[in-house]
Amino acid sequence: MNWGTLAAFALLELTLCLIPGPAVLLTLSYAMRRGARGGLAAASGILAGNTLYFILSGLGVVALLLASYRVFLVLKWGGALYLAFLGLRAMFARHGIAPDPSAMQRGESGRAFGSGFVTQVSNPKAIVFFAAILPQFIDLRGVIWLQLAILTVASVAIELGVLTGYTLAADRLRRSAAADRVSLWIERAGGAVLIGIAARVALEPVGGP
């Protein structure tokens, strides 16, 4: 792998991260409802899902997942249902956003992390990226595991930076006086976003068997 290939991958990764897809929307949802701590927990789950796919790509498992229509369909719908459940739970909440990150209920960080992880591993576009696009940046004449390690670090660093930026912006908006007055509606809006992500994941085409 040369510097030109790495730069092209970094540019592609940055472009995909900046586009408001499921990962960005989920991070914003948790940051608005639970502060920077919640947003970063969701972002960590997303990055964990990405790292898992990098590992599976090196083992050739991602291509098998994409080829196995039934297996991937179960993965996709399972993730969508989980996100929809969390969304409905938030929409029918009786309390608004937490006044500060330390006020997060016990287990909320874990749910945020789990939401991020499920969102990423069940996203059809993520599967396609790791099965069809990532191999284009691998030089088969070189050390494959080392190239994958470099791309993994680059991907995590770029996406962490972008999602952290979104998180801090949402957290700042969350702390405004207006947010304090409509905190319950922000909680419900966050739930609606989760349901929207679930629908997007469920309806994203994965191809045929």
N, C-alpha and C. Protein backbone atom coordinates (compact mmCIF):
# COMPACT_ATOMS: atom_id res chain seq x y z
N MET A 1 0.84 -1.19 0.00
CA MET A 1 0.00 0.00 0.00
C MET A 1 0.88 1.25 0.00
N ASN A 2 0.60 2.19 -0.91
CA ASN A 2 1.37 3.42 -0.96
C ASN A 2 0.57 4.57 -0.33
N TRP A 3 1.23 5.73 -0.24
CA TRP A 3 0.58 6.88 0.39
C TRP A 3 -0.64 7.36 -0.40
N GLY A 4 -0.58 7.22 -1.72
CA GLY A 4 -1.71 7.64 -2.55
C GLY A 4 -2.95 6.83 -2.27
N THR A 5 -2.76 5.51 -2.09
CA THR A 5 -3.89 4.63 -1.78
C THR A 5 -4.49 4.96 -0.42
N LEU A 6 -3.60 5.18 0.56
CA LEU A 6 -4.07 5.52 1.90
C LEU A 6 -4.81 6.85 1.91
N ALA A 7 -4.30 7.83 1.15
CA ALA A 7 -4.96 9.13 1.08
C ALA A 7 -6.34 9.01 0.43
N ALA A 8 -6.44 8.18 -0.62
CA ALA A 8 -7.72 7.98 -1.29
C ALA A 8 -8.73 7.32 -0.35
N PHE A 9 -8.25 6.36 0.44
CA PHE A 9 -9.13 5.69 1.41
C PHE A 9 -9.59 6.68 2.48
N ALA A 10 -8.65 7.50 2.97
CA ALA A 10 -8.98 8.48 4.00
C ALA A 10 -10.01 9.49 3.49
N LEU A 11 -9.87 9.92 2.25
CA LEU A 11 -10.82 10.86 1.67
C LEU A 11 -12.20 10.24 1.54
N LEU A 12 -12.23 8.99 1.08
CA LEU A 12 -13.51 8.29 0.95
C LEU A 12 -14.16 8.12 2.32
N GLU A 13 -13.37 7.70 3.30
CA GLU A 13 -13.89 7.50 4.66
C GLU A 13 -14.43 8.81 5.24
N LEU A 14 -13.71 9.90 5.05
CA LEU A 14 -14.15 11.20 5.56
C LEU A 14 -15.45 11.63 4.90
N THR A 15 -15.56 11.43 3.61
CA THR A 15 -16.77 11.80 2.89
C THR A 15 -17.97 11.01 3.38
N LEU A 16 -17.79 9.70 3.55
CA LEU A 16 -18.89 8.85 4.01
C LEU A 16 -19.29 9.20 5.44
N CYS A 17 -18.31 9.57 6.27
CA CYS A 17 -18.61 9.91 7.67
C CYS A 17 -19.39 11.21 7.79
N LEU A 18 -19.08 12.17 6.93
CA LEU A 18 -19.71 13.48 7.01
C LEU A 18 -21.16 13.45 6.53
N ILE A 19 -21.49 12.48 5.67
CA ILE A 19 -22.86 12.37 5.18
C ILE A 19 -23.74 11.87 6.32
N PRO A 20 -24.85 12.57 6.63
CA PRO A 20 -25.71 12.16 7.75
C PRO A 20 -26.43 10.83 7.49
N GLY A 21 -25.75 9.73 7.74
CA GLY A 21 -26.35 8.41 7.64
C GLY A 21 -26.78 7.91 9.00
N PRO A 22 -27.08 6.61 9.12
CA PRO A 22 -27.53 6.05 10.41
C PRO A 22 -26.55 6.31 11.56
N ALA A 23 -25.25 6.21 11.31
CA ALA A 23 -24.27 6.41 12.38
C ALA A 23 -24.32 7.83 12.93
N VAL A 24 -24.37 8.80 12.04
CA VAL A 24 -24.42 10.21 12.47
C VAL A 24 -25.74 10.49 13.19
N LEU A 25 -26.84 10.03 12.62
CA LEU A 25 -28.15 10.29 13.22
C LEU A 25 -28.26 9.66 14.61
N LEU A 26 -27.74 8.45 14.77
CA LEU A 26 -27.78 7.79 16.07
C LEU A 26 -26.96 8.56 17.09
N THR A 27 -25.76 8.99 16.70
CA THR A 27 -24.91 9.75 17.60
C THR A 27 -25.57 11.05 18.02
N LEU A 28 -26.16 11.76 17.07
CA LEU A 28 -26.86 13.00 17.39
C LEU A 28 -28.03 12.75 18.34
N SER A 29 -28.75 11.67 18.10
CA SER A 29 -29.90 11.35 18.94
C SER A 29 -29.48 11.15 20.39
N TYR A 30 -28.44 10.37 20.62
CA TYR A 30 -28.00 10.11 21.99
C TYR A 30 -27.34 11.34 22.61
N ALA A 31 -26.62 12.11 21.80
CA ALA A 31 -25.99 13.32 22.34
C ALA A 31 -27.03 14.34 22.77
N MET A 32 -28.11 14.47 22.02
CA MET A 32 -29.17 15.41 22.38
C MET A 32 -29.92 14.95 23.63
N ARG A 33 -30.07 13.64 23.76
CA ARG A 33 -30.87 13.12 24.87
C ARG A 33 -30.05 12.85 26.12
N ARG A 34 -28.78 12.45 25.94
CA ARG A 34 -27.97 12.03 27.09
C ARG A 34 -26.64 12.75 27.20
N GLY A 35 -26.44 13.76 26.39
CA GLY A 35 -25.21 14.54 26.49
C GLY A 35 -24.04 13.90 25.76
N ALA A 36 -22.87 14.52 25.94
CA ALA A 36 -21.67 14.05 25.24
C ALA A 36 -21.34 12.61 25.61
N ARG A 37 -21.58 12.25 26.86
CA ARG A 37 -21.28 10.88 27.29
C ARG A 37 -22.11 9.87 26.50
N GLY A 38 -23.39 10.16 26.31
CA GLY A 38 -24.25 9.26 25.55
C GLY A 38 -23.86 9.21 24.09
N GLY A 39 -23.54 10.38 23.51
CA GLY A 39 -23.15 10.42 22.11
C GLY A 39 -21.87 9.66 21.86
N LEU A 40 -20.90 9.82 22.76
CA LEU A 40 -19.63 9.13 22.59
C LEU A 40 -19.78 7.63 22.82
N ALA A 41 -20.70 7.23 23.69
CA ALA A 41 -20.95 5.80 23.90
C ALA A 41 -21.52 5.17 22.63
N ALA A 42 -22.46 5.89 22.00
CA ALA A 42 -23.02 5.40 20.74
C ALA A 42 -21.96 5.35 19.66
N ALA A 43 -21.12 6.38 19.59
CA ALA A 43 -20.04 6.42 18.61
C ALA A 43 -19.06 5.27 18.84
N SER A 44 -18.80 4.94 20.09
CA SER A 44 -17.90 3.83 20.40
C SER A 44 -18.47 2.51 19.90
N GLY A 45 -19.78 2.34 20.03
CA GLY A 45 -20.41 1.14 19.51
C GLY A 45 -20.30 1.04 18.00
N ILE A 46 -20.46 2.17 17.33
CA ILE A 46 -20.32 2.22 15.88
C ILE A 46 -18.91 1.84 15.46
N LEU A 47 -17.91 2.39 16.15
CA LEU A 47 -16.51 2.09 15.83
C LEU A 47 -16.18 0.63 16.14
N ALA A 48 -16.79 0.08 17.18
CA ALA A 48 -16.59 -1.34 17.50
C ALA A 48 -17.14 -2.21 16.38
N GLY A 49 -18.30 -1.82 15.84
CA GLY A 49 -18.88 -2.56 14.72
C GLY A 49 -17.99 -2.49 13.50
N ASN A 50 -17.44 -1.32 13.23
CA ASN A 50 -16.52 -1.17 12.10
C ASN A 50 -15.28 -2.03 12.27
N THR A 51 -14.71 -2.00 13.48
CA THR A 51 -13.50 -2.78 13.75
C THR A 51 -13.76 -4.27 13.55
N LEU A 52 -14.94 -4.72 14.01
CA LEU A 52 -15.31 -6.13 13.82
C LEU A 52 -15.35 -6.47 12.34
N TYR A 53 -15.92 -5.58 11.53
CA TYR A 53 -16.00 -5.85 10.10
C TYR A 53 -14.63 -5.83 9.43
N PHE A 54 -13.72 -4.99 9.92
CA PHE A 54 -12.35 -5.02 9.38
C PHE A 54 -11.72 -6.38 9.64
N ILE A 55 -11.93 -6.90 10.85
CA ILE A 55 -11.38 -8.22 11.19
C ILE A 55 -12.02 -9.30 10.34
N LEU A 56 -13.34 -9.26 10.22
CA LEU A 56 -14.04 -10.26 9.42
C LEU A 56 -13.66 -10.17 7.95
N SER A 57 -13.38 -8.96 7.49
CA SER A 57 -12.96 -8.78 6.09
C SER A 57 -11.64 -9.51 5.85
N GLY A 58 -10.74 -9.38 6.82
CA GLY A 58 -9.45 -10.06 6.70
C GLY A 58 -9.60 -11.57 6.68
N LEU A 59 -10.64 -12.06 7.33
CA LEU A 59 -10.88 -13.50 7.37
C LEU A 59 -11.77 -13.98 6.22
N GLY A 60 -12.27 -13.03 5.43
CA GLY A 60 -13.12 -13.39 4.30
C GLY A 60 -14.56 -13.68 4.68
N VAL A 61 -14.93 -13.38 5.93
CA VAL A 61 -16.27 -13.71 6.41
C VAL A 61 -17.32 -12.73 5.88
N VAL A 62 -16.96 -11.47 5.68
CA VAL A 62 -17.93 -10.48 5.22
C VAL A 62 -18.49 -10.86 3.86
N ALA A 63 -17.64 -11.31 2.97
CA ALA A 63 -18.11 -11.73 1.63
C ALA A 63 -19.09 -12.89 1.76
N LEU A 64 -18.85 -13.79 2.70
CA LEU A 64 -19.77 -14.91 2.90
C LEU A 64 -21.11 -14.42 3.45
N LEU A 65 -21.05 -13.42 4.35
CA LEU A 65 -22.29 -12.85 4.89
C LEU A 65 -23.13 -12.23 3.79
N LEU A 66 -22.47 -11.47 2.92
CA LEU A 66 -23.19 -10.81 1.83
C LEU A 66 -23.78 -11.83 0.87
N ALA A 67 -23.07 -12.94 0.67
CA ALA A 67 -23.55 -13.97 -0.25
C ALA A 67 -24.68 -14.79 0.37
N SER A 68 -24.70 -14.89 1.69
CA SER A 68 -25.74 -15.66 2.37
C SER A 68 -26.93 -14.76 2.65
N TYR A 69 -27.87 -14.73 1.75
CA TYR A 69 -29.01 -13.80 1.84
C TYR A 69 -29.82 -14.03 3.11
N ARG A 70 -30.10 -15.26 3.44
CA ARG A 70 -30.95 -15.54 4.60
C ARG A 70 -30.28 -15.14 5.91
N VAL A 71 -29.00 -15.45 6.02
CA VAL A 71 -28.29 -15.09 7.25
C VAL A 71 -28.26 -13.58 7.44
N PHE A 72 -27.96 -12.87 6.37
CA PHE A 72 -27.87 -11.43 6.47
C PHE A 72 -29.24 -10.81 6.71
N LEU A 73 -30.29 -11.42 6.15
CA LEU A 73 -31.64 -10.91 6.36
C LEU A 73 -32.01 -10.98 7.84
N VAL A 74 -31.64 -12.07 8.50
CA VAL A 74 -31.90 -12.21 9.93
C VAL A 74 -31.12 -11.15 10.72
N LEU A 75 -29.87 -10.94 10.35
CA LEU A 75 -29.04 -9.93 11.01
C LEU A 75 -29.64 -8.55 10.84
N LYS A 76 -30.06 -8.24 9.63
CA LYS A 76 -30.60 -6.91 9.34
C LYS A 76 -31.91 -6.65 10.10
N TRP A 77 -32.83 -7.59 10.05
CA TRP A 77 -34.12 -7.40 10.70
C TRP A 77 -34.00 -7.45 12.23
N GLY A 78 -33.08 -8.26 12.73
CA GLY A 78 -32.85 -8.29 14.17
C GLY A 78 -32.37 -6.94 14.68
N GLY A 79 -31.44 -6.33 13.94
CA GLY A 79 -30.95 -5.01 14.31
C GLY A 79 -32.04 -3.96 14.23
N ALA A 80 -32.84 -4.02 13.18
CA ALA A 80 -33.92 -3.05 13.00
C ALA A 80 -34.94 -3.12 14.13
N LEU A 81 -35.29 -4.33 14.52
CA LEU A 81 -36.28 -4.50 15.60
C LEU A 81 -35.74 -3.98 16.93
N TYR A 82 -34.45 -4.22 17.18
CA TYR A 82 -33.84 -3.74 18.43
C TYR A 82 -33.86 -2.22 18.49
N LEU A 83 -33.49 -1.58 17.39
CA LEU A 83 -33.49 -0.12 17.34
C LEU A 83 -34.90 0.44 17.45
N ALA A 84 -35.87 -0.23 16.83
CA ALA A 84 -37.25 0.22 16.91
C ALA A 84 -37.76 0.13 18.35
N PHE A 85 -37.37 -0.93 19.06
CA PHE A 85 -37.76 -1.09 20.46
C PHE A 85 -37.23 0.07 21.31
N LEU A 86 -35.94 0.40 21.11
CA LEU A 86 -35.35 1.51 21.87
C LEU A 86 -36.02 2.83 21.51
N GLY A 87 -36.36 2.99 20.24
CA GLY A 87 -37.02 4.22 19.80
C GLY A 87 -38.39 4.39 20.43
N LEU A 88 -39.17 3.31 20.44
CA LEU A 88 -40.50 3.37 21.04
C LEU A 88 -40.40 3.64 22.55
N ARG A 89 -39.40 3.06 23.16
CA ARG A 89 -39.20 3.28 24.60
C ARG A 89 -38.93 4.75 24.89
N ALA A 90 -38.13 5.38 24.03
CA ALA A 90 -37.83 6.80 24.22
C ALA A 90 -39.03 7.68 23.90
N MET A 91 -39.80 7.32 22.87
CA MET A 91 -40.95 8.13 22.47
C MET A 91 -42.02 8.18 23.55
N PHE A 92 -42.12 7.09 24.32
CA PHE A 92 -43.14 7.05 25.36
C PHE A 92 -42.56 7.34 26.75
N ALA A 93 -41.37 7.94 26.76
CA ALA A 93 -40.74 8.28 28.04
C ALA A 93 -41.55 9.34 28.77
N ARG A 94 -41.52 9.29 30.07
CA ARG A 94 -42.23 10.27 30.89
C ARG A 94 -41.31 11.38 31.39
N HIS A 95 -40.02 11.22 31.15
CA HIS A 95 -39.06 12.22 31.59
C HIS A 95 -38.27 12.73 30.39
N GLY A 96 -37.83 13.96 30.49
CA GLY A 96 -37.08 14.57 29.40
C GLY A 96 -35.62 14.19 29.43
N ILE A 97 -34.79 14.98 28.76
CA ILE A 97 -33.37 14.69 28.68
C ILE A 97 -32.73 14.86 30.04
N ALA A 98 -31.66 14.09 30.28
CA ALA A 98 -30.96 14.18 31.55
C ALA A 98 -30.28 15.55 31.67
N PRO A 99 -30.34 16.20 32.83
CA PRO A 99 -29.76 17.53 33.00
C PRO A 99 -28.25 17.57 32.77
N ASP A 100 -27.56 16.48 33.05
CA ASP A 100 -26.13 16.44 32.78
C ASP A 100 -25.72 14.98 32.56
N PRO A 101 -24.57 14.72 31.92
CA PRO A 101 -24.17 13.36 31.60
C PRO A 101 -24.11 12.44 32.80
N SER A 102 -23.73 12.96 33.98
CA SER A 102 -23.62 12.12 35.16
C SER A 102 -24.97 11.63 35.63
N ALA A 103 -26.05 12.23 35.14
CA ALA A 103 -27.39 11.84 35.56
C ALA A 103 -27.95 10.70 34.72
N MET A 104 -27.16 10.18 33.80
CA MET A 104 -27.62 9.07 32.98
C MET A 104 -27.96 7.89 33.87
N GLN A 105 -29.06 7.23 33.55
CA GLN A 105 -29.46 6.08 34.33
C GLN A 105 -28.45 4.96 34.17
N ARG A 106 -28.41 4.08 35.15
CA ARG A 106 -27.49 2.95 35.11
C ARG A 106 -27.80 2.08 33.90
N GLY A 107 -26.81 1.76 33.15
CA GLY A 107 -27.00 0.93 31.97
C GLY A 107 -27.26 1.72 30.71
N GLU A 108 -27.47 3.05 30.81
CA GLU A 108 -27.77 3.85 29.63
C GLU A 108 -26.59 3.89 28.67
N SER A 109 -25.37 3.97 29.21
CA SER A 109 -24.17 3.97 28.36
C SER A 109 -24.06 2.66 27.60
N GLY A 110 -24.39 1.57 28.29
CA GLY A 110 -24.35 0.27 27.64
C GLY A 110 -25.37 0.16 26.52
N ARG A 111 -26.56 0.74 26.74
CA ARG A 111 -27.58 0.70 25.69
C ARG A 111 -27.17 1.57 24.51
N ALA A 112 -26.54 2.71 24.80
CA ALA A 112 -26.07 3.58 23.73
C ALA A 112 -25.00 2.86 22.90
N PHE A 113 -24.06 2.22 23.59
CA PHE A 113 -23.01 1.47 22.91
C PHE A 113 -23.62 0.34 22.07
N GLY A 114 -24.57 -0.39 22.67
CA GLY A 114 -25.22 -1.48 21.95
C GLY A 114 -25.98 -0.99 20.74
N SER A 115 -26.63 0.15 20.87
CA SER A 115 -27.36 0.72 19.73
C SER A 115 -26.41 1.04 18.58
N GLY A 116 -25.27 1.64 18.93
CA GLY A 116 -24.29 1.96 17.90
C GLY A 116 -23.75 0.72 17.23
N PHE A 117 -23.45 -0.29 18.02
CA PHE A 117 -22.90 -1.54 17.48
C PHE A 117 -23.91 -2.22 16.56
N VAL A 118 -25.15 -2.34 17.03
CA VAL A 118 -26.20 -2.98 16.23
C VAL A 118 -26.47 -2.20 14.95
N THR A 119 -26.50 -0.87 15.06
CA THR A 119 -26.74 -0.04 13.88
C THR A 119 -25.70 -0.31 12.80
N GLN A 120 -24.45 -0.43 13.21
CA GLN A 120 -23.38 -0.60 12.23
C GLN A 120 -23.34 -2.01 11.65
N VAL A 121 -23.46 -3.03 12.49
CA VAL A 121 -23.32 -4.40 11.98
C VAL A 121 -24.53 -4.85 11.18
N SER A 122 -25.68 -4.18 11.37
CA SER A 122 -26.88 -4.58 10.63
C SER A 122 -27.16 -3.68 9.43
N ASN A 123 -26.27 -2.71 9.19
CA ASN A 123 -26.45 -1.77 8.08
C ASN A 123 -25.98 -2.40 6.77
N PRO A 124 -26.87 -2.63 5.80
CA PRO A 124 -26.47 -3.25 4.53
C PRO A 124 -25.35 -2.49 3.82
N LYS A 125 -25.36 -1.17 3.91
CA LYS A 125 -24.32 -0.39 3.23
C LYS A 125 -22.95 -0.66 3.83
N ALA A 126 -22.90 -0.92 5.14
CA ALA A 126 -21.62 -1.26 5.77
C ALA A 126 -21.11 -2.59 5.25
N ILE A 127 -22.01 -3.56 5.11
CA ILE A 127 -21.63 -4.87 4.59
C ILE A 127 -21.06 -4.73 3.18
N VAL A 128 -21.76 -3.97 2.33
CA VAL A 128 -21.31 -3.78 0.95
C VAL A 128 -19.95 -3.09 0.92
N PHE A 129 -19.77 -2.10 1.79
CA PHE A 129 -18.49 -1.37 1.83
C PHE A 129 -17.34 -2.32 2.13
N PHE A 130 -17.50 -3.13 3.17
CA PHE A 130 -16.40 -4.00 3.59
C PHE A 130 -16.21 -5.19 2.66
N ALA A 131 -17.27 -5.60 1.96
CA ALA A 131 -17.15 -6.76 1.06
C ALA A 131 -16.70 -6.37 -0.33
N ALA A 132 -17.12 -5.20 -0.81
CA ALA A 132 -16.86 -4.83 -2.21
C ALA A 132 -15.89 -3.67 -2.39
N ILE A 133 -15.93 -2.69 -1.49
CA ILE A 133 -15.12 -1.48 -1.68
C ILE A 133 -13.76 -1.58 -0.98
N LEU A 134 -13.75 -2.06 0.25
CA LEU A 134 -12.49 -2.15 1.00
C LEU A 134 -11.40 -2.93 0.26
N PRO A 135 -11.73 -4.09 -0.35
CA PRO A 135 -10.68 -4.85 -1.05
C PRO A 135 -9.97 -4.06 -2.15
N GLN A 136 -10.62 -3.02 -2.68
CA GLN A 136 -9.99 -2.22 -3.73
C GLN A 136 -8.77 -1.46 -3.23
N PHE A 137 -8.65 -1.30 -1.93
CA PHE A 137 -7.53 -0.56 -1.35
C PHE A 137 -6.43 -1.49 -0.82
N ILE A 138 -6.60 -2.79 -1.03
CA ILE A 138 -5.63 -3.77 -0.56
C ILE A 138 -4.74 -4.24 -1.71
N ASP A 139 -3.44 -4.16 -1.50
CA ASP A 139 -2.47 -4.66 -2.48
C ASP A 139 -2.16 -6.11 -2.13
N LEU A 140 -2.62 -7.03 -2.97
CA LEU A 140 -2.45 -8.46 -2.70
C LEU A 140 -0.99 -8.89 -2.70
N ARG A 141 -0.12 -8.05 -3.25
CA ARG A 141 1.31 -8.38 -3.26
C ARG A 141 1.99 -8.01 -1.94
N GLY A 142 1.28 -7.23 -1.13
CA GLY A 142 1.86 -6.81 0.14
C GLY A 142 1.37 -7.67 1.29
N VAL A 143 1.71 -7.23 2.51
CA VAL A 143 1.28 -7.93 3.72
C VAL A 143 -0.16 -7.50 4.03
N ILE A 144 -1.11 -8.39 3.79
CA ILE A 144 -2.52 -8.03 3.87
C ILE A 144 -2.93 -7.61 5.28
N TRP A 145 -2.49 -8.37 6.30
CA TRP A 145 -2.93 -8.05 7.66
C TRP A 145 -2.43 -6.68 8.10
N LEU A 146 -1.22 -6.32 7.64
CA LEU A 146 -0.67 -5.02 8.00
C LEU A 146 -1.45 -3.90 7.32
N GLN A 147 -1.80 -4.10 6.05
CA GLN A 147 -2.60 -3.10 5.34
C GLN A 147 -3.96 -2.92 5.99
N LEU A 148 -4.59 -4.03 6.39
CA LEU A 148 -5.89 -3.95 7.07
C LEU A 148 -5.76 -3.23 8.40
N ALA A 149 -4.67 -3.46 9.11
CA ALA A 149 -4.44 -2.78 10.39
C ALA A 149 -4.32 -1.28 10.19
N ILE A 150 -3.57 -0.88 9.15
CA ILE A 150 -3.39 0.55 8.85
C ILE A 150 -4.73 1.19 8.48
N LEU A 151 -5.50 0.52 7.64
CA LEU A 151 -6.81 1.05 7.22
C LEU A 151 -7.77 1.11 8.40
N THR A 152 -7.69 0.13 9.30
CA THR A 152 -8.55 0.13 10.49
C THR A 152 -8.26 1.34 11.36
N VAL A 153 -6.98 1.59 11.62
CA VAL A 153 -6.59 2.73 12.46
C VAL A 153 -7.02 4.04 11.80
N ALA A 154 -6.80 4.14 10.48
CA ALA A 154 -7.19 5.36 9.77
C ALA A 154 -8.70 5.57 9.83
N SER A 155 -9.45 4.49 9.63
CA SER A 155 -10.91 4.58 9.65
C SER A 155 -11.43 4.99 11.02
N VAL A 156 -10.91 4.35 12.06
CA VAL A 156 -11.36 4.66 13.43
C VAL A 156 -11.02 6.10 13.80
N ALA A 157 -9.81 6.54 13.44
CA ALA A 157 -9.40 7.90 13.77
C ALA A 157 -10.28 8.94 13.09
N ILE A 158 -10.57 8.72 11.81
CA ILE A 158 -11.39 9.67 11.05
C ILE A 158 -12.82 9.68 11.56
N GLU A 159 -13.39 8.49 11.72
CA GLU A 159 -14.79 8.45 12.15
C GLU A 159 -14.96 8.93 13.58
N LEU A 160 -13.99 8.64 14.44
CA LEU A 160 -14.05 9.13 15.81
C LEU A 160 -14.03 10.65 15.83
N GLY A 161 -13.17 11.25 15.01
CA GLY A 161 -13.10 12.70 14.95
C GLY A 161 -14.39 13.33 14.48
N VAL A 162 -14.98 12.75 13.43
CA VAL A 162 -16.22 13.29 12.88
C VAL A 162 -17.38 13.13 13.86
N LEU A 163 -17.53 11.93 14.43
CA LEU A 163 -18.64 11.68 15.35
C LEU A 163 -18.47 12.48 16.65
N THR A 164 -17.24 12.69 17.08
CA THR A 164 -17.00 13.53 18.26
C THR A 164 -17.43 14.96 17.98
N GLY A 165 -17.14 15.45 16.78
CA GLY A 165 -17.57 16.80 16.40
C GLY A 165 -19.08 16.93 16.42
N TYR A 166 -19.77 15.97 15.84
CA TYR A 166 -21.24 15.98 15.87
C TYR A 166 -21.76 15.91 17.31
N THR A 167 -21.11 15.08 18.12
CA THR A 167 -21.54 14.92 19.52
C THR A 167 -21.42 16.22 20.29
N LEU A 168 -20.29 16.89 20.18
CA LEU A 168 -20.07 18.13 20.92
C LEU A 168 -21.04 19.22 20.47
N ALA A 169 -21.32 19.26 19.16
CA ALA A 169 -22.27 20.25 18.65
C ALA A 169 -23.67 20.00 19.19
N ALA A 170 -24.09 18.72 19.20
CA ALA A 170 -25.41 18.38 19.70
C ALA A 170 -25.51 18.61 21.21
N ASP A 171 -24.43 18.31 21.93
CA ASP A 171 -24.43 18.51 23.37
C ASP A 171 -24.54 19.99 23.72
N ARG A 172 -23.87 20.82 22.92
CA ARG A 172 -23.95 22.27 23.16
C ARG A 172 -25.37 22.77 22.94
N LEU A 173 -26.02 22.27 21.88
CA LEU A 173 -27.41 22.66 21.62
C LEU A 173 -28.32 22.15 22.73
N ARG A 174 -28.01 20.97 23.23
CA ARG A 174 -28.81 20.35 24.29
C ARG A 174 -28.80 21.18 25.57
N ARG A 175 -27.71 21.87 25.83
CA ARG A 175 -27.57 22.65 27.06
C ARG A 175 -28.18 24.05 26.96
N SER A 176 -28.74 24.37 25.80
CA SER A 176 -29.33 25.69 25.63
C SER A 176 -30.63 25.80 26.42
N ALA A 177 -31.07 27.03 26.64
CA ALA A 177 -32.30 27.27 27.40
C ALA A 177 -33.50 26.69 26.68
N ALA A 178 -33.51 26.79 25.36
CA ALA A 178 -34.64 26.27 24.58
C ALA A 178 -34.77 24.77 24.77
N ALA A 179 -33.62 24.06 24.78
CA ALA A 179 -33.66 22.61 24.96
C ALA A 179 -34.21 22.25 26.32
N ASP A 180 -33.89 23.06 27.33
CA ASP A 180 -34.38 22.79 28.68
C ASP A 180 -35.90 22.88 28.75
N ARG A 181 -36.48 23.80 27.97
CA ARG A 181 -37.94 23.98 28.01
C ARG A 181 -38.68 22.86 27.28
N VAL A 182 -38.04 22.27 26.30
CA VAL A 182 -38.73 21.25 25.51
C VAL A 182 -38.02 19.90 25.64
N SER A 183 -37.47 19.64 26.84
CA SER A 183 -36.65 18.45 27.04
C SER A 183 -37.40 17.14 26.74
N LEU A 184 -38.67 17.07 27.14
CA LEU A 184 -39.42 15.84 26.90
C LEU A 184 -39.63 15.61 25.41
N TRP A 185 -39.86 16.69 24.68
CA TRP A 185 -40.05 16.55 23.23
C TRP A 185 -38.74 16.16 22.54
N ILE A 186 -37.60 16.61 23.09
CA ILE A 186 -36.31 16.20 22.54
C ILE A 186 -36.11 14.70 22.76
N GLU A 187 -36.50 14.22 23.92
CA GLU A 187 -36.42 12.78 24.21
C GLU A 187 -37.24 11.99 23.20
N ARG A 188 -38.46 12.46 22.94
CA ARG A 188 -39.33 11.76 22.01
C ARG A 188 -38.84 11.90 20.57
N ALA A 189 -38.27 13.04 20.25
CA ALA A 189 -37.70 13.22 18.91
C ALA A 189 -36.53 12.27 18.71
N GLY A 190 -35.73 12.08 19.76
CA GLY A 190 -34.63 11.12 19.68
C GLY A 190 -35.15 9.71 19.45
N GLY A 191 -36.26 9.39 20.09
CA GLY A 191 -36.88 8.08 19.86
C GLY A 191 -37.36 7.94 18.42
N ALA A 192 -37.90 9.01 17.88
CA ALA A 192 -38.37 8.98 16.49
C ALA A 192 -37.19 8.77 15.53
N VAL A 193 -36.05 9.37 15.86
CA VAL A 193 -34.86 9.18 15.03
C VAL A 193 -34.43 7.71 15.05
N LEU A 194 -34.46 7.09 16.23
CA LEU A 194 -34.11 5.67 16.33
C LEU A 194 -35.04 4.81 15.48
N ILE A 195 -36.33 5.13 15.52
CA ILE A 195 -37.30 4.37 14.71
C ILE A 195 -37.02 4.59 13.23
N GLY A 196 -36.67 5.83 12.88
CA GLY A 196 -36.33 6.12 11.49
C GLY A 196 -35.11 5.34 11.02
N ILE A 197 -34.10 5.22 11.90
CA ILE A 197 -32.91 4.45 11.56
C ILE A 197 -33.28 2.98 11.38
N ALA A 198 -34.14 2.48 12.28
CA ALA A 198 -34.59 1.09 12.17
C ALA A 198 -35.27 0.83 10.84
N ALA A 199 -36.13 1.77 10.43
CA ALA A 199 -36.83 1.63 9.15
C ALA A 199 -35.85 1.68 7.99
N ARG A 200 -34.87 2.56 8.10
CA ARG A 200 -33.88 2.69 7.02
C ARG A 200 -33.06 1.41 6.88
N VAL A 201 -32.66 0.84 8.01
CA VAL A 201 -31.90 -0.41 7.99
C VAL A 201 -32.74 -1.54 7.41
N ALA A 202 -34.02 -1.60 7.85
CA ALA A 202 -34.89 -2.69 7.40
C ALA A 202 -35.20 -2.61 5.92
N LEU A 203 -35.37 -1.41 5.40
CA LEU A 203 -35.79 -1.24 4.01
C LEU A 203 -34.64 -1.14 3.02
N GLU A 204 -33.40 -1.05 3.54
CA GLU A 204 -32.25 -0.97 2.63
C GLU A 204 -32.11 -2.28 1.88
N PRO A 205 -32.10 -2.26 0.54
CA PRO A 205 -31.99 -3.52 -0.23
C PRO A 205 -30.65 -4.18 -0.03
N VAL A 206 -30.67 -5.50 -0.02
CA VAL A 206 -29.44 -6.27 0.15
C VAL A 206 -29.18 -7.17 -1.05
N GLY A 207 -30.01 -7.06 -2.06
CA GLY A 207 -29.81 -7.92 -3.22
C GLY A 207 -30.57 -9.21 -3.05
N GLY A 208 -30.47 -10.07 -3.99
CA GLY A 208 -31.20 -11.33 -3.95
C GLY A 208 -30.30 -12.49 -3.67
N PRO A 209 -30.89 -13.70 -3.45
CA PRO A 209 -30.12 -14.88 -3.12
C PRO A 209 -29.36 -15.37 -4.33
